[in-house]
Amino acid sequence: MKKKLKKAAIASVFILFCIVFPIYGGVIQALEEGGILTTSEEERAVTLFRQLKCLSCDGQSISDSHAEFAKSIRESIRSQINQGMSDKMILDSVRENYGDVIFFEPPLNMSTFLLWILPFSMIIFGFSAFVVYLRKQKTA
């Protein structure tokens, strides 16, 4: 009987630990990264995090990265949300500090025109070369 109670107590402590620890860790991270936000503000922050690349990681978003750079950007964004800044103002601030390279989807402007047009032009060129090749094969 005592063994069953002891096992039940250990299982209860383990389950409680598994539930409380992640919540506590999330609160600590939020406090370290610019304060606690409301649920809707946190959703805004996560949406912004997912639009930005971690410049010190390879292909990870700010949301997924554990690098110091990502932590500082998350802290900055949470702080700006606490100050009442709009998403556009926050993204403009990030763009001003880091340029378009930090965005997963850079905007279409004169400096990124080739970035957007080059893939399409390569597809058209490849398709055209393939058609020319097929026509030459038919005539030969």
N, C-alpha and C. Protein backbone atom coordinates (compact mmCIF):
# COMPACT_ATOMS: atom_id res chain seq x y z
N MET A 1 0.82 -1.19 0.00
CA MET A 1 0.00 0.00 0.00
C MET A 1 0.86 1.26 0.00
N LYS A 2 1.92 1.26 0.82
CA LYS A 2 2.79 2.42 0.90
C LYS A 2 3.54 2.61 -0.41
N LYS A 3 3.90 1.51 -1.06
CA LYS A 3 4.61 1.61 -2.34
C LYS A 3 3.72 2.24 -3.39
N LYS A 4 2.44 1.91 -3.40
CA LYS A 4 1.51 2.48 -4.37
C LYS A 4 1.35 3.98 -4.13
N LEU A 5 1.26 4.38 -2.86
CA LEU A 5 1.14 5.80 -2.54
C LEU A 5 2.40 6.56 -2.92
N LYS A 6 3.55 5.93 -2.68
CA LYS A 6 4.82 6.56 -3.02
C LYS A 6 4.94 6.72 -4.54
N LYS A 7 4.56 5.69 -5.31
CA LYS A 7 4.59 5.78 -6.76
C LYS A 7 3.61 6.84 -7.26
N ALA A 8 2.44 6.90 -6.66
CA ALA A 8 1.43 7.89 -7.05
C ALA A 8 1.94 9.30 -6.76
N ALA A 9 2.61 9.48 -5.62
CA ALA A 9 3.15 10.80 -5.27
C ALA A 9 4.24 11.21 -6.25
N ILE A 10 5.11 10.28 -6.59
CA ILE A 10 6.18 10.57 -7.55
C ILE A 10 5.59 10.90 -8.91
N ALA A 11 4.59 10.14 -9.34
CA ALA A 11 3.95 10.39 -10.64
C ALA A 11 3.27 11.76 -10.63
N SER A 12 2.63 12.11 -9.52
CA SER A 12 1.96 13.42 -9.42
C SER A 12 2.96 14.57 -9.50
N VAL A 13 4.07 14.43 -8.80
CA VAL A 13 5.10 15.47 -8.84
C VAL A 13 5.66 15.58 -10.25
N PHE A 14 5.89 14.45 -10.90
CA PHE A 14 6.42 14.46 -12.27
C PHE A 14 5.45 15.15 -13.23
N ILE A 15 4.18 14.80 -13.15
CA ILE A 15 3.17 15.43 -14.02
C ILE A 15 3.08 16.92 -13.74
N LEU A 16 3.05 17.30 -12.49
CA LEU A 16 3.01 18.72 -12.14
C LEU A 16 4.23 19.45 -12.69
N PHE A 17 5.41 18.83 -12.56
CA PHE A 17 6.64 19.42 -13.09
C PHE A 17 6.55 19.60 -14.60
N CYS A 18 6.01 18.58 -15.29
CA CYS A 18 5.89 18.66 -16.75
C CYS A 18 4.92 19.74 -17.20
N ILE A 19 3.94 20.06 -16.39
CA ILE A 19 2.95 21.08 -16.75
C ILE A 19 3.44 22.47 -16.36
N VAL A 20 3.97 22.62 -15.17
CA VAL A 20 4.34 23.94 -14.66
C VAL A 20 5.63 24.46 -15.27
N PHE A 21 6.62 23.62 -15.46
CA PHE A 21 7.92 24.08 -15.93
C PHE A 21 7.85 24.78 -17.28
N PRO A 22 7.17 24.22 -18.30
CA PRO A 22 7.10 24.95 -19.57
C PRO A 22 6.41 26.31 -19.45
N ILE A 23 5.38 26.39 -18.64
CA ILE A 23 4.69 27.68 -18.44
C ILE A 23 5.63 28.66 -17.76
N TYR A 24 6.31 28.22 -16.72
CA TYR A 24 7.25 29.06 -16.01
C TYR A 24 8.38 29.53 -16.93
N GLY A 25 8.90 28.60 -17.75
CA GLY A 25 9.96 28.95 -18.69
C GLY A 25 9.51 30.00 -19.69
N GLY A 26 8.27 29.88 -20.17
CA GLY A 26 7.73 30.87 -21.10
C GLY A 26 7.59 32.24 -20.47
N VAL A 27 7.18 32.27 -19.22
CA VAL A 27 7.04 33.55 -18.50
C VAL A 27 8.40 34.18 -18.30
N ILE A 28 9.39 33.39 -17.91
CA ILE A 28 10.74 33.91 -17.72
C ILE A 28 11.29 34.47 -19.02
N GLN A 29 11.09 33.74 -20.13
CA GLN A 29 11.57 34.21 -21.43
C GLN A 29 10.89 35.51 -21.81
N ALA A 30 9.58 35.60 -21.61
CA ALA A 30 8.86 36.82 -21.95
C ALA A 30 9.35 37.99 -21.11
N LEU A 31 9.62 37.77 -19.83
CA LEU A 31 10.13 38.84 -18.98
C LEU A 31 11.51 39.30 -19.44
N GLU A 32 12.34 38.34 -19.86
CA GLU A 32 13.69 38.69 -20.32
C GLU A 32 13.66 39.39 -21.68
N GLU A 33 12.62 39.13 -22.47
CA GLU A 33 12.57 39.64 -23.84
C GLU A 33 11.55 40.76 -24.01
N GLY A 34 11.45 41.66 -23.10
CA GLY A 34 10.65 42.84 -23.33
C GLY A 34 9.35 42.90 -22.57
N GLY A 35 9.12 42.03 -21.65
CA GLY A 35 7.92 42.12 -20.84
C GLY A 35 6.83 41.17 -21.32
N ILE A 36 5.82 41.02 -20.47
CA ILE A 36 4.71 40.13 -20.76
C ILE A 36 3.69 40.90 -21.60
N LEU A 37 3.21 40.25 -22.66
CA LEU A 37 2.23 40.84 -23.54
C LEU A 37 0.90 40.13 -23.36
N THR A 38 -0.17 40.79 -23.77
CA THR A 38 -1.47 40.12 -23.78
C THR A 38 -1.43 39.05 -24.87
N THR A 39 -2.44 38.20 -24.89
CA THR A 39 -2.47 37.11 -25.86
C THR A 39 -2.46 37.65 -27.29
N SER A 40 -3.25 38.67 -27.57
CA SER A 40 -3.30 39.21 -28.93
C SER A 40 -1.98 39.90 -29.29
N GLU A 41 -1.36 40.56 -28.32
CA GLU A 41 -0.06 41.20 -28.58
C GLU A 41 1.02 40.14 -28.83
N GLU A 42 0.97 39.06 -28.08
CA GLU A 42 1.95 37.98 -28.28
C GLU A 42 1.76 37.34 -29.65
N GLU A 43 0.51 37.18 -30.09
CA GLU A 43 0.25 36.65 -31.43
C GLU A 43 0.81 37.58 -32.49
N ARG A 44 0.65 38.89 -32.30
CA ARG A 44 1.25 39.87 -33.22
C ARG A 44 2.75 39.71 -33.25
N ALA A 45 3.35 39.58 -32.07
CA ALA A 45 4.81 39.46 -31.98
C ALA A 45 5.28 38.21 -32.71
N VAL A 46 4.62 37.09 -32.50
CA VAL A 46 5.02 35.84 -33.14
C VAL A 46 4.87 35.95 -34.66
N THR A 47 3.81 36.61 -35.12
CA THR A 47 3.63 36.82 -36.56
C THR A 47 4.79 37.63 -37.13
N LEU A 48 5.22 38.65 -36.40
CA LEU A 48 6.36 39.45 -36.84
C LEU A 48 7.65 38.64 -36.79
N PHE A 49 7.83 37.84 -35.74
CA PHE A 49 9.04 37.01 -35.62
C PHE A 49 9.19 36.09 -36.81
N ARG A 50 8.07 35.55 -37.28
CA ARG A 50 8.10 34.57 -38.38
C ARG A 50 8.40 35.20 -39.73
N GLN A 51 8.29 36.51 -39.82
CA GLN A 51 8.59 37.21 -41.07
C GLN A 51 10.07 37.53 -41.19
N LEU A 52 10.81 37.39 -40.10
CA LEU A 52 12.21 37.82 -40.05
C LEU A 52 13.16 36.64 -39.94
N LYS A 53 14.27 36.74 -40.66
CA LYS A 53 15.32 35.71 -40.61
C LYS A 53 16.30 36.06 -39.50
N CYS A 54 16.83 35.03 -38.88
CA CYS A 54 17.95 35.23 -37.96
C CYS A 54 19.20 35.32 -38.82
N LEU A 55 19.90 36.42 -38.73
CA LEU A 55 21.07 36.64 -39.57
C LEU A 55 22.28 35.82 -39.12
N SER A 56 22.24 35.28 -37.90
CA SER A 56 23.36 34.46 -37.45
C SER A 56 23.06 32.97 -37.57
N CYS A 57 21.85 32.62 -37.99
CA CYS A 57 21.47 31.21 -38.19
C CYS A 57 21.23 30.98 -39.67
N ASP A 58 21.22 29.74 -40.05
CA ASP A 58 21.05 29.40 -41.45
C ASP A 58 19.60 29.06 -41.75
N GLY A 59 18.83 30.02 -42.23
CA GLY A 59 17.46 29.78 -42.66
C GLY A 59 16.43 29.69 -41.55
N GLN A 60 16.79 30.00 -40.33
CA GLN A 60 15.82 29.96 -39.24
C GLN A 60 15.16 31.32 -39.09
N SER A 61 13.91 31.29 -38.64
CA SER A 61 13.24 32.55 -38.34
C SER A 61 13.65 33.01 -36.95
N ILE A 62 13.38 34.26 -36.68
CA ILE A 62 13.65 34.82 -35.35
C ILE A 62 12.87 34.04 -34.31
N SER A 63 11.69 33.56 -34.69
CA SER A 63 10.83 32.81 -33.78
C SER A 63 11.46 31.49 -33.35
N ASP A 64 12.17 30.81 -34.26
CA ASP A 64 12.71 29.48 -33.98
C ASP A 64 14.14 29.49 -33.44
N SER A 65 14.83 30.59 -33.56
CA SER A 65 16.25 30.64 -33.23
C SER A 65 16.49 30.89 -31.75
N HIS A 66 17.59 30.32 -31.24
CA HIS A 66 18.00 30.55 -29.85
C HIS A 66 19.25 31.43 -29.78
N ALA A 67 19.66 31.99 -30.91
CA ALA A 67 20.86 32.82 -30.95
C ALA A 67 20.61 34.15 -30.23
N GLU A 68 21.69 34.74 -29.76
CA GLU A 68 21.59 36.04 -29.07
C GLU A 68 21.00 37.11 -29.97
N PHE A 69 21.35 37.07 -31.26
CA PHE A 69 20.80 38.05 -32.21
C PHE A 69 19.28 37.95 -32.24
N ALA A 70 18.75 36.73 -32.34
CA ALA A 70 17.30 36.52 -32.39
C ALA A 70 16.65 36.98 -31.09
N LYS A 71 17.29 36.69 -29.96
CA LYS A 71 16.74 37.12 -28.68
C LYS A 71 16.65 38.64 -28.60
N SER A 72 17.68 39.33 -29.10
CA SER A 72 17.66 40.80 -29.03
C SER A 72 16.59 41.38 -29.96
N ILE A 73 16.36 40.77 -31.11
CA ILE A 73 15.30 41.23 -32.02
C ILE A 73 13.94 40.99 -31.39
N ARG A 74 13.73 39.80 -30.81
CA ARG A 74 12.45 39.52 -30.14
C ARG A 74 12.20 40.50 -29.01
N GLU A 75 13.24 40.78 -28.24
CA GLU A 75 13.13 41.75 -27.14
C GLU A 75 12.73 43.12 -27.67
N SER A 76 13.37 43.54 -28.74
CA SER A 76 13.08 44.84 -29.34
C SER A 76 11.64 44.90 -29.84
N ILE A 77 11.20 43.85 -30.51
CA ILE A 77 9.84 43.84 -31.05
C ILE A 77 8.81 43.84 -29.93
N ARG A 78 9.03 43.05 -28.90
CA ARG A 78 8.08 43.04 -27.77
C ARG A 78 8.04 44.41 -27.10
N SER A 79 9.19 45.03 -26.96
CA SER A 79 9.25 46.35 -26.36
C SER A 79 8.48 47.38 -27.20
N GLN A 80 8.64 47.30 -28.51
CA GLN A 80 7.94 48.23 -29.39
C GLN A 80 6.43 47.99 -29.37
N ILE A 81 6.02 46.74 -29.25
CA ILE A 81 4.58 46.44 -29.12
C ILE A 81 4.06 47.02 -27.82
N ASN A 82 4.83 46.88 -26.73
CA ASN A 82 4.43 47.47 -25.44
C ASN A 82 4.29 48.98 -25.52
N GLN A 83 5.08 49.61 -26.40
CA GLN A 83 5.02 51.06 -26.58
C GLN A 83 3.86 51.48 -27.48
N GLY A 84 3.14 50.51 -28.05
CA GLY A 84 1.97 50.82 -28.86
C GLY A 84 2.26 51.04 -30.33
N MET A 85 3.43 50.62 -30.81
CA MET A 85 3.77 50.81 -32.22
C MET A 85 3.00 49.81 -33.08
N SER A 86 2.66 50.22 -34.30
CA SER A 86 1.97 49.34 -35.24
C SER A 86 2.97 48.36 -35.86
N ASP A 87 2.43 47.31 -36.50
CA ASP A 87 3.30 46.33 -37.15
C ASP A 87 4.15 46.98 -38.23
N LYS A 88 3.54 47.88 -39.00
CA LYS A 88 4.28 48.55 -40.07
C LYS A 88 5.43 49.39 -39.50
N MET A 89 5.18 50.08 -38.41
CA MET A 89 6.23 50.89 -37.78
C MET A 89 7.37 49.99 -37.27
N ILE A 90 7.01 48.85 -36.70
CA ILE A 90 8.02 47.93 -36.18
C ILE A 90 8.86 47.37 -37.32
N LEU A 91 8.20 46.93 -38.40
CA LEU A 91 8.94 46.37 -39.54
C LEU A 91 9.79 47.43 -40.22
N ASP A 92 9.30 48.68 -40.28
CA ASP A 92 10.10 49.76 -40.84
C ASP A 92 11.35 50.00 -39.99
N SER A 93 11.19 49.91 -38.68
CA SER A 93 12.33 50.08 -37.77
C SER A 93 13.36 48.97 -37.99
N VAL A 94 12.89 47.74 -38.13
CA VAL A 94 13.80 46.61 -38.37
C VAL A 94 14.50 46.79 -39.71
N ARG A 95 13.74 47.21 -40.74
CA ARG A 95 14.32 47.42 -42.07
C ARG A 95 15.38 48.53 -42.02
N GLU A 96 15.11 49.57 -41.26
CA GLU A 96 16.07 50.68 -41.14
C GLU A 96 17.38 50.21 -40.51
N ASN A 97 17.27 49.33 -39.53
CA ASN A 97 18.47 48.86 -38.83
C ASN A 97 19.22 47.75 -39.56
N TYR A 98 18.50 46.85 -40.24
CA TYR A 98 19.15 45.66 -40.81
C TYR A 98 19.00 45.52 -42.32
N GLY A 99 18.20 46.36 -42.94
CA GLY A 99 18.00 46.28 -44.38
C GLY A 99 16.99 45.21 -44.76
N ASP A 100 16.78 45.02 -46.05
CA ASP A 100 15.80 44.05 -46.54
C ASP A 100 16.26 42.61 -46.40
N VAL A 101 17.55 42.40 -46.15
CA VAL A 101 18.10 41.05 -46.07
C VAL A 101 17.52 40.26 -44.90
N ILE A 102 16.98 40.93 -43.90
CA ILE A 102 16.44 40.25 -42.73
C ILE A 102 15.06 39.66 -42.97
N PHE A 103 14.39 40.06 -44.04
CA PHE A 103 13.04 39.59 -44.33
C PHE A 103 13.09 38.31 -45.16
N PHE A 104 12.20 37.36 -44.85
CA PHE A 104 12.09 36.17 -45.66
C PHE A 104 11.54 36.52 -47.04
N GLU A 105 10.64 37.49 -47.09
CA GLU A 105 10.08 37.95 -48.36
C GLU A 105 10.39 39.44 -48.51
N PRO A 106 11.52 39.76 -49.13
CA PRO A 106 11.88 41.17 -49.28
C PRO A 106 10.87 41.89 -50.18
N PRO A 107 10.66 43.17 -49.95
CA PRO A 107 9.69 43.92 -50.76
C PRO A 107 10.19 44.12 -52.18
N LEU A 108 9.26 44.35 -53.10
CA LEU A 108 9.62 44.62 -54.48
C LEU A 108 9.91 46.11 -54.63
N ASN A 109 11.18 46.43 -54.82
CA ASN A 109 11.58 47.81 -55.09
C ASN A 109 12.80 47.77 -56.01
N MET A 110 13.38 48.91 -56.29
CA MET A 110 14.48 48.96 -57.25
C MET A 110 15.69 48.13 -56.80
N SER A 111 15.97 48.09 -55.52
CA SER A 111 17.14 47.35 -55.06
C SER A 111 16.92 45.84 -55.05
N THR A 112 15.66 45.38 -55.02
CA THR A 112 15.37 43.95 -55.00
C THR A 112 14.70 43.47 -56.29
N PHE A 113 14.65 44.33 -57.30
CA PHE A 113 13.98 43.98 -58.55
C PHE A 113 14.58 42.72 -59.18
N LEU A 114 15.89 42.64 -59.27
CA LEU A 114 16.54 41.47 -59.86
C LEU A 114 16.25 40.21 -59.05
N LEU A 115 16.18 40.35 -57.76
CA LEU A 115 15.90 39.21 -56.89
C LEU A 115 14.54 38.60 -57.22
N TRP A 116 13.59 39.44 -57.56
CA TRP A 116 12.25 38.96 -57.88
C TRP A 116 12.13 38.51 -59.34
N ILE A 117 12.76 39.20 -60.26
CA ILE A 117 12.57 38.94 -61.69
C ILE A 117 13.48 37.83 -62.22
N LEU A 118 14.65 37.65 -61.62
CA LEU A 118 15.62 36.68 -62.12
C LEU A 118 15.09 35.24 -62.15
N PRO A 119 14.44 34.74 -61.12
CA PRO A 119 13.92 33.36 -61.20
C PRO A 119 12.94 33.17 -62.36
N PHE A 120 12.05 34.14 -62.56
CA PHE A 120 11.08 34.01 -63.64
C PHE A 120 11.76 34.08 -65.01
N SER A 121 12.73 34.96 -65.14
CA SER A 121 13.43 35.06 -66.43
C SER A 121 14.24 33.80 -66.71
N MET A 122 14.79 33.18 -65.69
CA MET A 122 15.54 31.93 -65.89
C MET A 122 14.60 30.80 -66.32
N ILE A 123 13.40 30.77 -65.78
CA ILE A 123 12.42 29.75 -66.19
C ILE A 123 12.04 29.96 -67.65
N ILE A 124 11.77 31.19 -68.02
CA ILE A 124 11.41 31.49 -69.40
C ILE A 124 12.57 31.15 -70.34
N PHE A 125 13.79 31.50 -69.96
CA PHE A 125 14.96 31.19 -70.77
C PHE A 125 15.13 29.68 -70.93
N GLY A 126 15.00 28.94 -69.85
CA GLY A 126 15.15 27.49 -69.90
C GLY A 126 14.08 26.84 -70.76
N PHE A 127 12.84 27.31 -70.63
CA PHE A 127 11.75 26.77 -71.44
C PHE A 127 11.99 27.07 -72.92
N SER A 128 12.43 28.30 -73.23
CA SER A 128 12.71 28.68 -74.61
C SER A 128 13.84 27.83 -75.19
N ALA A 129 14.89 27.62 -74.43
CA ALA A 129 16.01 26.79 -74.90
C ALA A 129 15.54 25.35 -75.14
N PHE A 130 14.66 24.85 -74.30
CA PHE A 130 14.12 23.50 -74.46
C PHE A 130 13.29 23.39 -75.73
N VAL A 131 12.45 24.40 -76.01
CA VAL A 131 11.63 24.41 -77.23
C VAL A 131 12.52 24.45 -78.46
N VAL A 132 13.56 25.29 -78.45
CA VAL A 132 14.50 25.37 -79.57
C VAL A 132 15.18 24.02 -79.77
N TYR A 133 15.58 23.37 -78.70
CA TYR A 133 16.23 22.06 -78.77
C TYR A 133 15.28 21.03 -79.40
N LEU A 134 14.01 21.03 -78.96
CA LEU A 134 13.04 20.08 -79.51
C LEU A 134 12.79 20.32 -80.99
N ARG A 135 12.73 21.58 -81.40
CA ARG A 135 12.53 21.91 -82.83
C ARG A 135 13.71 21.44 -83.67
N LYS A 136 14.90 21.61 -83.15
CA LYS A 136 16.08 21.14 -83.87
C LYS A 136 16.10 19.63 -83.99
N GLN A 137 15.62 18.93 -82.99
CA GLN A 137 15.55 17.47 -83.00
C GLN A 137 14.56 16.97 -84.05
N LYS A 138 13.44 17.71 -84.22
CA LYS A 138 12.42 17.32 -85.20
C LYS A 138 12.95 17.49 -86.64
N THR A 139 13.71 18.57 -86.88
CA THR A 139 14.22 18.84 -88.23
C THR A 139 15.41 17.97 -88.58
N ALA A 140 16.09 17.41 -87.61
CA ALA A 140 17.29 16.60 -87.90
C ALA A 140 16.97 15.19 -88.26
